[in-house]
C-alpha atoms as a PDB file:
ATOM      1  CA  MET A   1       3.593 -16.304 -11.637  1.00  0.00           C
ATOM      2  CA  ARG A   2       4.655 -16.761  -8.027  1.00  0.00           C
ATOM      3  CA  LEU A   3       3.533 -14.085  -5.606  1.00  0.00           C
ATOM      4  CA  GLU A   4       7.188 -13.371  -4.825  1.00  0.00           C
ATOM      5  CA  ASP A   5       7.676 -12.296  -8.444  1.00  0.00           C
ATOM      6  CA  ILE A   6       5.207  -9.405  -8.092  1.00  0.00           C
ATOM      7  CA  GLY A   7       7.763  -7.401  -6.117  1.00  0.00           C
ATOM      8  CA  PHE A   8       5.922  -6.585  -2.871  1.00  0.00           C
ATOM      9  CA  TYR A   9       7.870  -8.078   0.021  1.00  0.00           C
ATOM     10  CA  THR A  10       4.742  -8.836   2.071  1.00  0.00           C
ATOM     11  CA  LEU A  11       3.274 -11.070  -0.637  1.00  0.00           C
ATOM     12  CA  SER A  12       4.557 -14.632  -0.750  1.00  0.00           C
ATOM     13  CA  GLU A  13       3.493 -18.225  -1.190  1.00  0.00           C
ATOM     14  CA  ALA A  14       4.619 -18.873   2.390  1.00  0.00           C
ATOM     15  CA  ARG A  15       2.185 -16.256   3.631  1.00  0.00           C
ATOM     16  CA  VAL A  16      -0.618 -17.947   1.716  1.00  0.00           C
ATOM     17  CA  ALA A  17       0.253 -21.277   3.298  1.00  0.00           C
ATOM     18  CA  SER A  18       0.190 -19.963   6.864  1.00  0.00           C
ATOM     19  CA  SER A  19      -2.516 -17.288   6.672  1.00  0.00           C
ATOM     20  CA  SER A  20      -5.145 -17.626   9.403  1.00  0.00           C
ATOM     21  CA  VAL A  21      -6.565 -15.813  12.402  1.00  0.00           C
ATOM     22  CA  ASN A  22      -3.650 -17.208  14.421  1.00  0.00           C
ATOM     23  CA  SER A  23      -0.807 -16.545  11.987  1.00  0.00           C
ATOM     24  CA  ARG A  24       1.736 -13.798  12.367  1.00  0.00           C
ATOM     25  CA  MET A  25       0.380 -10.325  11.611  1.00  0.00           C
ATOM     26  CA  MET A  26       2.085  -9.595   8.308  1.00  0.00           C
ATOM     27  CA  ARG A  27       1.224  -6.014   7.514  1.00  0.00           C
ATOM     28  CA  ALA A  28      -0.574  -3.042   9.055  1.00  0.00           C
ATOM     29  CA  GLU A  29      -1.086   0.576   8.068  1.00  0.00           C
ATOM     30  CA  LEU A  30      -1.793   3.367  10.515  1.00  0.00           C
ATOM     31  CA  LEU A  31      -3.121   6.718   9.304  1.00  0.00           C
ATOM     32  CA  LEU A  32      -1.682   9.308  11.647  1.00  0.00           C
ATOM     33  CA  THR A  33      -3.126  12.545  10.325  1.00  0.00           C
ATOM     34  CA  ALA A  34      -5.403  13.942   7.648  1.00  0.00           C
ATOM     35  CA  ARG A  35      -3.231  17.054   7.340  1.00  0.00           C
ATOM     36  CA  CYS A  36      -1.048  17.582   4.270  1.00  0.00           C
ATOM     37  CA  ASN A  37       1.013  20.403   2.799  1.00  0.00           C
ATOM     38  CA  PHE A  38       0.051  19.362  -0.746  1.00  0.00           C
ATOM     39  CA  HIS A  39      -3.356  19.594  -2.419  1.00  0.00           C
ATOM     40  CA  CYS A  40      -3.168  16.856  -5.038  1.00  0.00           C
ATOM     41  CA  PRO A  41      -6.231  16.928  -7.312  1.00  0.00           C
ATOM     42  CA  TYR A  42      -6.918  13.201  -7.047  1.00  0.00           C
ATOM     43  CA  CYS A  43      -6.569  12.954  -3.256  1.00  0.00           C
ATOM     44  CA  ARG A  44      -9.487  11.623  -1.248  1.00  0.00           C
ATOM     45  CA  GLY A  45      -8.440  12.778   2.179  1.00  0.00           C
ATOM     46  CA  VAL A  46      -9.634  10.655   5.076  1.00  0.00           C
ATOM     47  CA  GLY A  47      -9.539  10.979   8.832  1.00  0.00           C
ATOM     48  CA  GLY A  48     -10.050  13.926  11.108  1.00  0.00           C
ATOM     49  CA  LYS A  49      -7.944  14.823  14.113  1.00  0.00           C
ATOM     50  CA  ASP A  50      -4.436  13.442  14.523  1.00  0.00           C
ATOM     51  CA  VAL A  51      -4.338  10.158  16.404  1.00  0.00           C
ATOM     52  CA  SER A  52      -2.932  10.764  19.866  1.00  0.00           C
ATOM     53  CA  LEU A  53       0.588   9.513  20.448  1.00  0.00           C
ATOM     54  CA  VAL A  54      -0.638   7.368  23.348  1.00  0.00           C
ATOM     55  CA  ASN A  55      -3.235   5.659  21.171  1.00  0.00           C
ATOM     56  CA  ALA A  56      -0.825   5.226  18.277  1.00  0.00           C
ATOM     57  CA  LEU A  57       1.722   3.561  20.553  1.00  0.00           C
ATOM     58  CA  GLU A  58      -0.950   1.251  21.950  1.00  0.00           C
ATOM     59  CA  ILE A  59      -2.034   0.216  18.439  1.00  0.00           C
ATOM     60  CA  ILE A  60       1.555  -0.559  17.492  1.00  0.00           C
ATOM     61  CA  ARG A  61       1.989  -2.536  20.720  1.00  0.00           C
ATOM     62  CA  LEU A  62      -1.081  -4.652  19.904  1.00  0.00           C
ATOM     63  CA  TRP A  63       0.394  -5.416  16.503  1.00  0.00           C
ATOM     64  CA  THR A  64       3.905  -6.131  17.719  1.00  0.00           C
ATOM     65  CA  ASP A  65       2.498  -8.483  20.346  1.00  0.00           C
ATOM     66  CA  ASP A  66       1.045 -10.315  17.343  1.00  0.00           C
ATOM     67  CA  GLY A  67       4.435 -10.566  15.629  1.00  0.00           C
ATOM     68  CA  LEU A  68       3.912  -7.747  13.131  1.00  0.00           C
ATOM     69  CA  TYR A  69       6.289  -8.018  10.178  1.00  0.00           C
ATOM     70  CA  ALA A  70       5.629  -4.796   8.230  1.00  0.00           C
ATOM     71  CA  LEU A  71       4.231  -1.452   9.378  1.00  0.00           C
ATOM     72  CA  ARG A  72       3.297   1.486   7.166  1.00  0.00           C
ATOM     73  CA  LEU A  73       2.729   4.945   8.636  1.00  0.00           C
ATOM     74  CA  SER A  74       0.715   7.240   6.397  1.00  0.00           C
ATOM     75  CA  GLY A  75      -1.819  10.042   6.258  1.00  0.00           C
ATOM     76  CA  GLY A  76      -2.273  12.753   5.006  1.00  0.00           C
ATOM     77  CA  GLU A  77       1.371  13.557   5.257  1.00  0.00           C
ATOM     78  CA  PRO A  78       2.871  11.605   8.171  1.00  0.00           C
ATOM     79  CA  LEU A  79       5.889  13.909   8.474  1.00  0.00           C
ATOM     80  CA  LEU A  80       3.504  16.552   9.836  1.00  0.00           C
ATOM     81  CA  TYR A  81       2.820  14.259  12.816  1.00  0.00           C
ATOM     82  CA  LYS A  82       4.959  15.329  15.768  1.00  0.00           C
ATOM     83  CA  GLY A  83       5.360  11.871  17.276  1.00  0.00           C
ATOM     84  CA  LEU A  84       6.491  10.127  14.105  1.00  0.00           C
ATOM     85  CA  ASP A  85      10.052   9.394  15.251  1.00  0.00           C
ATOM     86  CA  THR A  86       8.744   7.965  18.533  1.00  0.00           C
ATOM     87  CA  LEU A  87       6.427   5.590  16.673  1.00  0.00           C
ATOM     88  CA  VAL A  88       9.206   4.431  14.375  1.00  0.00           C
ATOM     89  CA  ARG A  89      11.477   3.679  17.326  1.00  0.00           C
ATOM     90  CA  ALA A  90       8.669   1.840  19.131  1.00  0.00           C
ATOM     91  CA  ALA A  91       8.028  -0.332  16.080  1.00  0.00           C
ATOM     92  CA  ALA A  92      11.731  -1.112  15.686  1.00  0.00           C
ATOM     93  CA  ALA A  93      12.032  -1.959  19.395  1.00  0.00           C
ATOM     94  CA  GLY A  94       8.974  -4.204  19.067  1.00  0.00           C
ATOM     95  CA  GLY A  95      10.637  -6.304  16.382  1.00  0.00           C
ATOM     96  CA  VAL A  96       8.918  -4.949  13.265  1.00  0.00           C
ATOM     97  CA  GLU A  97      11.237  -5.862  10.395  1.00  0.00           C
ATOM     98  CA  ARG A  98       9.913  -3.536   7.702  1.00  0.00           C
ATOM     99  CA  ILE A  99       8.965   0.020   8.702  1.00  0.00           C
ATOM    100  CA  ALA A 100       7.586   2.091   5.857  1.00  0.00           C
ATOM    101  CA  ILE A 101       6.500   5.689   5.485  1.00  0.00           C
ATOM    102  CA  SER A 102       4.371   7.088   2.670  1.00  0.00           C
ATOM    103  CA  SER A 103       5.302  10.708   2.024  1.00  0.00           C
ATOM    104  CA  ASN A 104       4.990  13.373  -0.631  1.00  0.00           C
ATOM    105  CA  GLY A 105       8.762  13.759  -0.335  1.00  0.00           C
ATOM    106  CA  SER A 106       8.796  17.519   0.137  1.00  0.00           C
ATOM    107  CA  PHE A 107      10.364  17.837   3.587  1.00  0.00           C
ATOM    108  CA  PRO A 108      14.032  18.688   4.243  1.00  0.00           C
ATOM    109  CA  LEU A 109      16.348  15.803   3.446  1.00  0.00           C
ATOM    110  CA  HIS A 110      17.622  15.612   7.017  1.00  0.00           C
ATOM    111  CA  ARG A 111      14.125  14.661   8.262  1.00  0.00           C
ATOM    112  CA  TYR A 112      14.077  11.560   6.089  1.00  0.00           C
ATOM    113  CA  LEU A 113      17.608  10.670   7.138  1.00  0.00           C
ATOM    114  CA  GLU A 114      16.609  11.034  10.807  1.00  0.00           C
ATOM    115  CA  LEU A 115      13.711   8.652  10.245  1.00  0.00           C
ATOM    116  CA  ILE A 116      16.004   6.153   8.549  1.00  0.00           C
ATOM    117  CA  ASP A 117      18.313   6.361  11.565  1.00  0.00           C
ATOM    118  CA  ALA A 118      15.297   5.707  13.813  1.00  0.00           C
ATOM    119  CA  GLY A 119      14.408   2.514  11.929  1.00  0.00           C
ATOM    120  CA  VAL A 120      12.594   3.330   8.683  1.00  0.00           C
ATOM    121  CA  ASN A 121      13.754   1.037   5.872  1.00  0.00           C
ATOM    122  CA  ASP A 122      11.061   1.681   3.250  1.00  0.00           C
ATOM    123  CA  LEU A 123      10.083   5.027   1.784  1.00  0.00           C
ATOM    124  CA  SER A 124       7.237   5.478  -0.662  1.00  0.00           C
ATOM    125  CA  ILE A 125       7.308   8.904  -2.282  1.00  0.00           C
ATOM    126  CA  SER A 126       4.799  10.352  -4.727  1.00  0.00           C
ATOM    127  CA  LEU A 127       6.070  11.617  -8.069  1.00  0.00           C
ATOM    128  CA  ASP A 128       3.186  12.414 -10.383  1.00  0.00           C
ATOM    129  CA  ASP A 129       4.956  14.144 -13.252  1.00  0.00           C
ATOM    130  CA  CYS A 130       8.270  14.538 -15.022  1.00  0.00           C
ATOM    131  CA  CYS A 131       8.821  18.287 -15.133  1.00  0.00           C
ATOM    132  CA  ALA A 132       8.634  21.088 -12.586  1.00  0.00           C
ATOM    133  CA  GLU A 133       5.668  22.999 -13.970  1.00  0.00           C
ATOM    134  CA  ASP A 134       3.426  19.950 -14.297  1.00  0.00           C
ATOM    135  CA  GLY A 135       4.726  18.452 -11.055  1.00  0.00           C
ATOM    136  CA  ASP A 136       3.927  21.576  -9.056  1.00  0.00           C
ATOM    137  CA  ARG A 137       0.448  21.617 -10.568  1.00  0.00           C
ATOM    138  CA  MET A 138      -0.109  17.965  -9.583  1.00  0.00           C
ATOM    139  CA  ALA A 139       0.882  18.931  -6.031  1.00  0.00           C
ATOM    140  CA  GLY A 140      -1.933  21.449  -6.017  1.00  0.00           C
ATOM    141  CA  GLY A 141       0.046  24.460  -7.170  1.00  0.00           C
ATOM    142  CA  VAL A 142       2.798  24.286  -4.540  1.00  0.00           C
ATOM    143  CA  LYS A 143       5.656  26.235  -6.122  1.00  0.00           C
ATOM    144  CA  GLY A 144       9.026  24.508  -6.040  1.00  0.00           C
ATOM    145  CA  ALA A 145       7.525  21.260  -4.741  1.00  0.00           C
ATOM    146  CA  TRP A 146       8.635  19.093  -7.651  1.00  0.00           C
ATOM    147  CA  ASN A 147      12.270  20.173  -7.478  1.00  0.00           C
ATOM    148  CA  ARG A 148      12.437  19.428  -3.731  1.00  0.00           C
ATOM    149  CA  VAL A 149      10.837  16.023  -4.185  1.00  0.00           C
ATOM    150  CA  VAL A 150      13.133  15.027  -7.040  1.00  0.00           C
ATOM    151  CA  ALA A 151      16.254  16.089  -5.124  1.00  0.00           C
ATOM    152  CA  ASN A 152      15.150  14.046  -2.108  1.00  0.00           C
ATOM    153  CA  ILE A 153      14.403  10.968  -4.196  1.00  0.00           C
ATOM    154  CA  ARG A 154      17.850  11.111  -5.792  1.00  0.00           C
ATOM    155  CA  ALA A 155      19.552  11.403  -2.400  1.00  0.00           C
ATOM    156  CA  LEU A 156      17.435   8.854  -0.561  1.00  0.00           C
ATOM    157  CA  SER A 157      17.475   6.116  -3.195  1.00  0.00           C
ATOM    158  CA  ASP A 158      21.020   5.305  -2.059  1.00  0.00           C
ATOM    159  CA  GLN A 159      20.037   5.251   1.610  1.00  0.00           C
ATOM    160  CA  THR A 160      17.123   2.810   1.782  1.00  0.00           C
ATOM    161  CA  TYR A 161      14.511   0.893  -0.195  1.00  0.00           C
ATOM    162  CA  LEU A 162      12.574   3.630  -1.983  1.00  0.00           C
ATOM    163  CA  THR A 163       9.718   3.281  -4.419  1.00  0.00           C
ATOM    164  CA  VAL A 164       7.969   5.998  -6.363  1.00  0.00           C
ATOM    165  CA  GLY A 165       4.195   6.069  -6.635  1.00  0.00           C
ATOM    166  CA  VAL A 166       2.661   7.618  -9.749  1.00  0.00           C
ATOM    167  CA  VAL A 167      -1.066   8.319  -9.647  1.00  0.00           C
ATOM    168  CA  LEU A 168      -2.402   8.849 -13.138  1.00  0.00           C
ATOM    169  CA  THR A 169      -5.242  11.227 -13.927  1.00  0.00           C
ATOM    170  CA  GLN A 170      -6.617  12.540 -17.205  1.00  0.00           C
ATOM    171  CA  ASP A 171      -4.123  15.385 -16.832  1.00  0.00           C
ATOM    172  CA  ASN A 172      -0.846  13.479 -16.501  1.00  0.00           C
ATOM    173  CA  ALA A 173      -1.728  10.132 -18.123  1.00  0.00           C
ATOM    174  CA  PRO A 174      -0.604  11.271 -21.599  1.00  0.00           C
ATOM    175  CA  ARG A 175       2.919  11.664 -20.160  1.00  0.00           C
ATOM    176  CA  ILE A 176       3.018   8.221 -18.534  1.00  0.00           C
ATOM    177  CA  ASN A 177       6.000   6.951 -20.540  1.00  0.00           C
ATOM    178  CA  ASP A 178       8.101  10.031 -19.809  1.00  0.00           C
ATOM    179  CA  ILE A 179       7.155   9.913 -16.113  1.00  0.00           C
ATOM    180  CA  ILE A 180       8.193   6.270 -15.784  1.00  0.00           C
ATOM    181  CA  ALA A 181      11.512   6.832 -17.580  1.00  0.00           C
ATOM    182  CA  PHE A 182      12.297   9.888 -15.461  1.00  0.00           C
ATOM    183  CA  ALA A 183      11.396   8.175 -12.172  1.00  0.00           C
ATOM    184  CA  ALA A 184      13.455   5.105 -12.993  1.00  0.00           C
ATOM    185  CA  ASP A 185      16.457   7.302 -13.801  1.00  0.00           C
ATOM    186  CA  LEU A 186      16.445   8.618 -10.222  1.00  0.00           C
ATOM    187  CA  GLY A 187      17.751   5.266  -8.978  1.00  0.00           C
ATOM    188  CA  VAL A 188      14.582   4.089  -7.241  1.00  0.00           C
ATOM    189  CA  ALA A 189      13.964   0.460  -6.307  1.00  0.00           C
ATOM    190  CA  ASP A 190      10.638   0.348  -8.147  1.00  0.00           C
ATOM    191  CA  VAL A 191       7.867   2.382  -9.757  1.00  0.00           C
ATOM    192  CA  ARG A 192       4.209   1.882  -8.892  1.00  0.00           C
ATOM    193  CA  ILE A 193       1.769   3.242 -11.469  1.00  0.00           C
ATOM    194  CA  ILE A 194      -1.951   3.326 -10.768  1.00  0.00           C
ATOM    195  CA  PRO A 195      -4.947   5.179 -12.180  1.00  0.00           C
ATOM    196  CA  ALA A 196      -6.743   7.479  -9.756  1.00  0.00           C
ATOM    197  CA  ALA A 197      -9.806   5.710  -8.365  1.00  0.00           C
ATOM    198  CA  GLN A 198     -12.125   8.266  -9.929  1.00  0.00           C
ATOM    199  CA  ASP A 199     -10.487   7.882 -13.345  1.00  0.00           C
ATOM    200  CA  GLY A 200     -11.178   4.216 -14.027  1.00  0.00           C
ATOM    201  CA  ASP A 201      -9.497   0.840 -13.795  1.00  0.00           C
ATOM    202  CA  ARG A 202      -7.111   0.841 -16.746  1.00  0.00           C
ATOM    203  CA  LEU A 203      -3.940   2.581 -17.832  1.00  0.00           C
ATOM    204  CA  GLY A 204      -3.151   4.104 -21.186  1.00  0.00           C
ATOM    205  CA  THR A 205      -0.546   2.839 -23.621  1.00  0.00           C
ATOM    206  CA  VAL A 206       2.720   2.185 -21.792  1.00  0.00           C
ATOM    207  CA  VAL A 207       6.036   1.690 -23.561  1.00  0.00           C
ATOM    208  CA  VAL A 208       8.921   0.865 -21.237  1.00  0.00           C
ATOM    209  CA  ASP A 209      12.508  -0.101 -21.937  1.00  0.00           C
ATOM    210  CA  PRO A 210      12.778  -3.887 -21.324  1.00  0.00           C
ATOM    211  CA  ALA A 211      15.958  -3.259 -19.329  1.00  0.00           C
ATOM    212  CA  LEU A 212      13.947  -1.152 -16.874  1.00  0.00           C
ATOM    213  CA  LEU A 213      11.298  -3.831 -16.534  1.00  0.00           C
ATOM    214  CA  ALA A 214      14.005  -6.376 -15.764  1.00  0.00           C
ATOM    215  CA  ARG A 215      15.007  -4.465 -12.616  1.00  0.00           C
ATOM    216  CA  LEU A 216      11.599  -3.048 -11.564  1.00  0.00           C
ATOM    217  CA  PRO A 217       9.398  -6.036 -10.707  1.00  0.00           C
ATOM    218  CA  ILE A 218       6.336  -4.113  -9.483  1.00  0.00           C
ATOM    219  CA  LEU A 219       6.266  -2.050 -12.654  1.00  0.00           C
ATOM    220  CA  ARG A 220       6.808  -5.184 -14.748  1.00  0.00           C
ATOM    221  CA  TYR A 221       3.904  -6.972 -13.049  1.00  0.00           C
ATOM    222  CA  ARG A 222       1.484  -4.124 -13.699  1.00  0.00           C
ATOM    223  CA  ILE A 223       2.548  -3.685 -17.316  1.00  0.00           C
ATOM    224  CA  ASP A 224       2.316  -7.439 -17.926  1.00  0.00           C
ATOM    225  CA  ASN A 225      -1.256  -7.282 -16.636  1.00  0.00           C
ATOM    226  CA  LEU A 226      -1.953  -4.301 -18.846  1.00  0.00           C
ATOM    227  CA  ARG A 227      -0.690  -6.155 -21.907  1.00  0.00           C
ATOM    228  CA  ALA A 228      -2.855  -9.143 -20.968  1.00  0.00           C
ATOM    229  CA  GLY A 229      -5.927  -6.906 -20.836  1.00  0.00           C
ATOM    230  CA  ALA A 230      -6.342  -7.159 -17.072  1.00  0.00           C
ATOM    231  CA  PRO A 231      -7.596  -4.123 -15.155  1.00  0.00           C
ATOM    232  CA  VAL A 232      -5.530  -2.576 -12.390  1.00  0.00           C
ATOM    233  CA  ARG A 233      -8.630  -2.238 -10.220  1.00  0.00           C
ATOM    234  CA  GLY A 234     -11.651  -4.472  -9.779  1.00  0.00           C
ATOM    235  CA  LEU A 235     -12.765  -8.103  -9.666  1.00  0.00           C
ATOM    236  CA  SER A 236     -13.639 -10.385 -12.543  1.00  0.00           C
ATOM    237  CA  GLU A 237     -16.229 -13.169 -12.345  1.00  0.00           C
ATOM    238  CA  THR A 238     -13.534 -15.806 -11.875  1.00  0.00           C
ATOM    239  CA  ASP A 239     -11.783 -14.074  -8.973  1.00  0.00           C
ATOM    240  CA  SER A 240     -12.230 -15.219  -5.389  1.00  0.00           C
ATOM    241  CA  ASN A 241     -15.214 -13.756  -3.560  1.00  0.00           C
ATOM    242  CA  ARG A 242     -13.409 -13.886  -0.219  1.00  0.00           C
ATOM    243  CA  CYS A 243     -10.656 -11.604   1.069  1.00  0.00           C
ATOM    244  CA  GLY A 244      -7.737 -13.543   2.500  1.00  0.00           C
ATOM    245  CA  LEU A 245      -5.563 -10.473   3.046  1.00  0.00           C
ATOM    246  CA  VAL A 246      -7.848  -9.240   5.811  1.00  0.00           C
ATOM    247  CA  LEU A 247      -6.778 -12.131   8.061  1.00  0.00           C
ATOM    248  CA  ASP A 248      -3.254 -10.817   8.683  1.00  0.00           C
ATOM    249  CA  ASP A 249      -3.347  -7.291   7.239  1.00  0.00           C
ATOM    250  CA  ALA A 250      -5.095  -4.185   8.581  1.00  0.00           C
ATOM    251  CA  ALA A 251      -5.644  -0.462   8.105  1.00  0.00           C
ATOM    252  CA  VAL A 252      -6.495   1.749  11.069  1.00  0.00           C
ATOM    253  CA  CYS A 253      -7.869   5.283  11.213  1.00  0.00           C
ATOM    254  CA  GLU A 254      -9.316   7.144  14.209  1.00  0.00           C
ATOM    255  CA  GLY A 255      -9.509   4.049  16.382  1.00  0.00           C
ATOM    256  CA  GLN A 256     -11.311   1.885  13.826  1.00  0.00           C
ATOM    257  CA  HIS A 257      -9.866  -0.964  11.767  1.00  0.00           C
ATOM    258  CA  TYR A 258     -10.829  -1.439   8.137  1.00  0.00           C
ATOM    259  CA  PRO A 259     -10.487  -4.343   5.686  1.00  0.00           C
ATOM    260  CA  CYS A 260      -7.731  -2.528   3.787  1.00  0.00           C
ATOM    261  CA  ILE A 261      -6.433   0.939   3.025  1.00  0.00           C
ATOM    262  CA  ILE A 262      -8.376   1.138  -0.238  1.00  0.00           C
ATOM    263  CA  TYR A 263     -11.624   0.227   1.512  1.00  0.00           C
ATOM    264  CA  LEU A 264     -10.951   2.955   4.066  1.00  0.00           C
ATOM    265  CA  ARG A 265     -10.113   5.623   1.479  1.00  0.00           C
ATOM    266  CA  GLU A 266     -13.167   4.770  -0.606  1.00  0.00           C
ATOM    267  CA  GLY A 267     -15.465   5.425   2.347  1.00  0.00           C
ATOM    268  CA  GLY A 268     -16.261   1.858   3.353  1.00  0.00           C
ATOM    269  CA  ASP A 269     -17.453   0.896   6.834  1.00  0.00           C
ATOM    270  CA  SER A 270     -14.943  -0.195   9.437  1.00  0.00           C
ATOM    271  CA  ILE A 271     -14.938  -3.737  10.752  1.00  0.00           C
ATOM    272  CA  GLY A 272     -14.882  -2.448  14.309  1.00  0.00           C
ATOM    273  CA  PRO A 273     -12.906  -0.647  16.999  1.00  0.00           C
ATOM    274  CA  VAL A 274      -9.226  -1.269  17.572  1.00  0.00           C
ATOM    275  CA  GLY A 275      -8.615  -3.721  20.398  1.00  0.00           C
ATOM    276  CA  PRO A 276      -7.392  -7.196  21.335  1.00  0.00           C
ATOM    277  CA  ASP A 277     -10.283  -8.840  19.424  1.00  0.00           C
ATOM    278  CA  MET A 278      -9.345  -7.299  16.067  1.00  0.00           C
ATOM    279  CA  ARG A 279      -8.055 -10.522  14.524  1.00  0.00           C
ATOM    280  CA  ALA A 280     -11.182 -12.482  15.407  1.00  0.00           C
ATOM    281  CA  ALA A 281     -13.408  -9.725  14.025  1.00  0.00           C
ATOM    282  CA  ARG A 282     -11.408  -9.657  10.817  1.00  0.00           C
ATOM    283  CA  ALA A 283     -11.642 -13.425  10.399  1.00  0.00           C
ATOM    284  CA  ALA A 284     -15.423 -13.240  10.838  1.00  0.00           C
ATOM    285  CA  TRP A 285     -15.597 -10.464   8.243  1.00  0.00           C
ATOM    286  CA  SER A 286     -13.554 -12.529   5.796  1.00  0.00           C
ATOM    287  CA  ALA A 287     -15.744 -15.597   6.248  1.00  0.00           C
ATOM    288  CA  SER A 288     -19.039 -13.773   5.807  1.00  0.00           C
ATOM    289  CA  HIS A 289     -18.234 -10.976   3.360  1.00  0.00           C
ATOM    290  CA  ASP A 290     -18.803 -11.632  -0.352  1.00  0.00           C
ATOM    291  CA  THR A 291     -16.456  -9.220  -2.108  1.00  0.00           C
ATOM    292  CA  HIS A 292     -18.340  -9.585  -5.385  1.00  0.00           C
ATOM    293  CA  GLU A 293     -21.426  -8.136  -3.732  1.00  0.00           C
ATOM    294  CA  ASP A 294     -19.467  -5.203  -2.269  1.00  0.00           C
ATOM    295  CA  ILE A 295     -19.246  -2.300  -4.702  1.00  0.00           C
ATOM    296  CA  ILE A 296     -15.967  -1.033  -3.188  1.00  0.00           C
ATOM    297  CA  CYS A 297     -14.216  -4.398  -3.493  1.00  0.00           C
ATOM    298  CA  GLY A 298     -15.769  -5.125  -6.867  1.00  0.00           C
ATOM    299  CA  ARG A 299     -14.583  -1.864  -8.403  1.00  0.00           C
ATOM    300  CA  ASN A 300     -11.393  -1.073  -6.515  1.00  0.00           C
ATOM    301  CA  CYS A 301      -9.539  -4.205  -5.369  1.00  0.00           C
ATOM    302  CA  LEU A 302      -6.011  -3.898  -6.760  1.00  0.00           C
ATOM    303  CA  ASP A 303      -4.538  -6.511  -9.093  1.00  0.00           C
ATOM    304  CA  VAL A 304      -1.886  -7.547  -6.537  1.00  0.00           C
ATOM    305  CA  CYS A 305      -4.535  -8.082  -3.849  1.00  0.00           C
ATOM    306  CA  VAL A 306      -6.702 -10.040  -6.281  1.00  0.00           C
ATOM    307  CA  ALA A 307      -3.739 -12.272  -7.094  1.00  0.00           C
ATOM    308  CA  TYR A 308      -3.095 -12.941  -3.410  1.00  0.00           C
ATOM    309  CA  ASN A 309      -6.741 -13.672  -2.600  1.00  0.00           C
ATOM    310  CA  ASN A 310      -6.992 -16.022  -5.562  1.00  0.00           C
ATOM    311  CA  ALA A 311      -3.920 -17.852  -4.273  1.00  0.00           C
ATOM    312  CA  VAL A 312      -5.518 -18.177  -0.816  1.00  0.00           C
ATOM    313  CA  ALA A 313      -8.718 -19.543  -2.374  1.00  0.00           C
ATOM    314  CA  ALA A 314      -6.750 -22.056  -4.449  1.00  0.00           C
ATOM    315  CA  ARG A 315      -4.840 -23.188  -1.368  1.00  0.00           C
ATOM    316  CA  ARG A 316      -8.068 -23.779   0.536  1.00  0.00           C
ATOM    317  CA  GLN A 317      -9.496 -25.778  -2.344  1.00  0.00           C
ATOM    318  CA  GLU A 318      -6.385 -27.950  -2.385  1.00  0.00           C
ATOM    319  CA  GLN A 319      -6.629 -28.510   1.355  1.00  0.00           C
ATOM    320  CA  ALA A 320     -10.307 -29.409   1.102  1.00  0.00           C
ATOM    321  CA  ALA A 321      -9.655 -31.830  -1.746  1.00  0.00           C
ATOM    322  CA  SER A 322      -6.846 -33.585   0.116  1.00  0.00           C
ATOM    323  CA  ALA A 323      -8.656 -33.838   3.445  1.00  0.00           C
ATOM    324  CA  PRO A 324      -9.820 -37.266   4.635  1.00  0.00           C
ATOM    325  CA  LEU A 325     -13.305 -38.110   3.453  1.00  0.00           C
ATOM    326  CA  ASP A 326     -14.656 -37.999   7.022  1.00  0.00           C
ATOM    327  CA  ASP A 327     -13.442 -34.404   7.364  1.00  0.00           C
ATOM    328  CA  ARG A 328     -15.256 -33.394   4.196  1.00  0.00           C
ATOM    329  CA  GLN A 329     -18.590 -34.753   5.291  1.00  0.00           C
END
């Protein structure tokens, strides 16, 4: 399978071919706040104080100076961050082509429409159940939350690229098929299903209408892996022991940059402070860090990231094999 077939627009064979410390920065995620108006049972909140608007703008400027293609603003709940619209406009003015926000989807519809007007063209909204009672419970007992989220998803699916994220726990996993069917019926661009980190690396039995899979590539990729017996999280012995994503992808929280958002959320150490030397520090980390010896990478690396890193490793092997003999000595 080509990386393009997975369904994530930042993953491509062209990115593999050009990935290096000097290539265009392809993707970055900035955690703006740890605050949230939901209390989801699986959430592993990270971060402390809100990043200052001045610092957030400086981080985005560093990335846009490096040709950043895709930016994701997250949290916590990023819509609680007062400077969100300013950051979106700064990213758009800096040439960022894909500006994404991860939200629980519970805010008034006009706020999402204002952000779309400012430059957001990717919304990721959580939808962890298929009925109001269970949905409100998955939001931590916030009454009326599920109905607000569903209404927003229906309205916004016609306005921009919108995917739904479904985190599966022991509580909602038995309803996985109903959740997928309901989410797909809202008109979303795709459905991302994933087990909560604390609940293992596999999904339960999933039965999805083939017609849905034909139009939802991310969902199709994950279910194809499931049917092949591949875990959603974790490395196998044959997977690359180097992270290629870290070269042109980053996650930042409280002035520190991390290998990826999963590494950050699982409590891993940062690579170092944000600054003009970030790319060099990330390249050094990639070259020296054996992911198979790192318990966070070994247990939690997502299937899509594994696929990309394996493609990078294969590309490097091809380049080494085709290099002149003098270069290999």
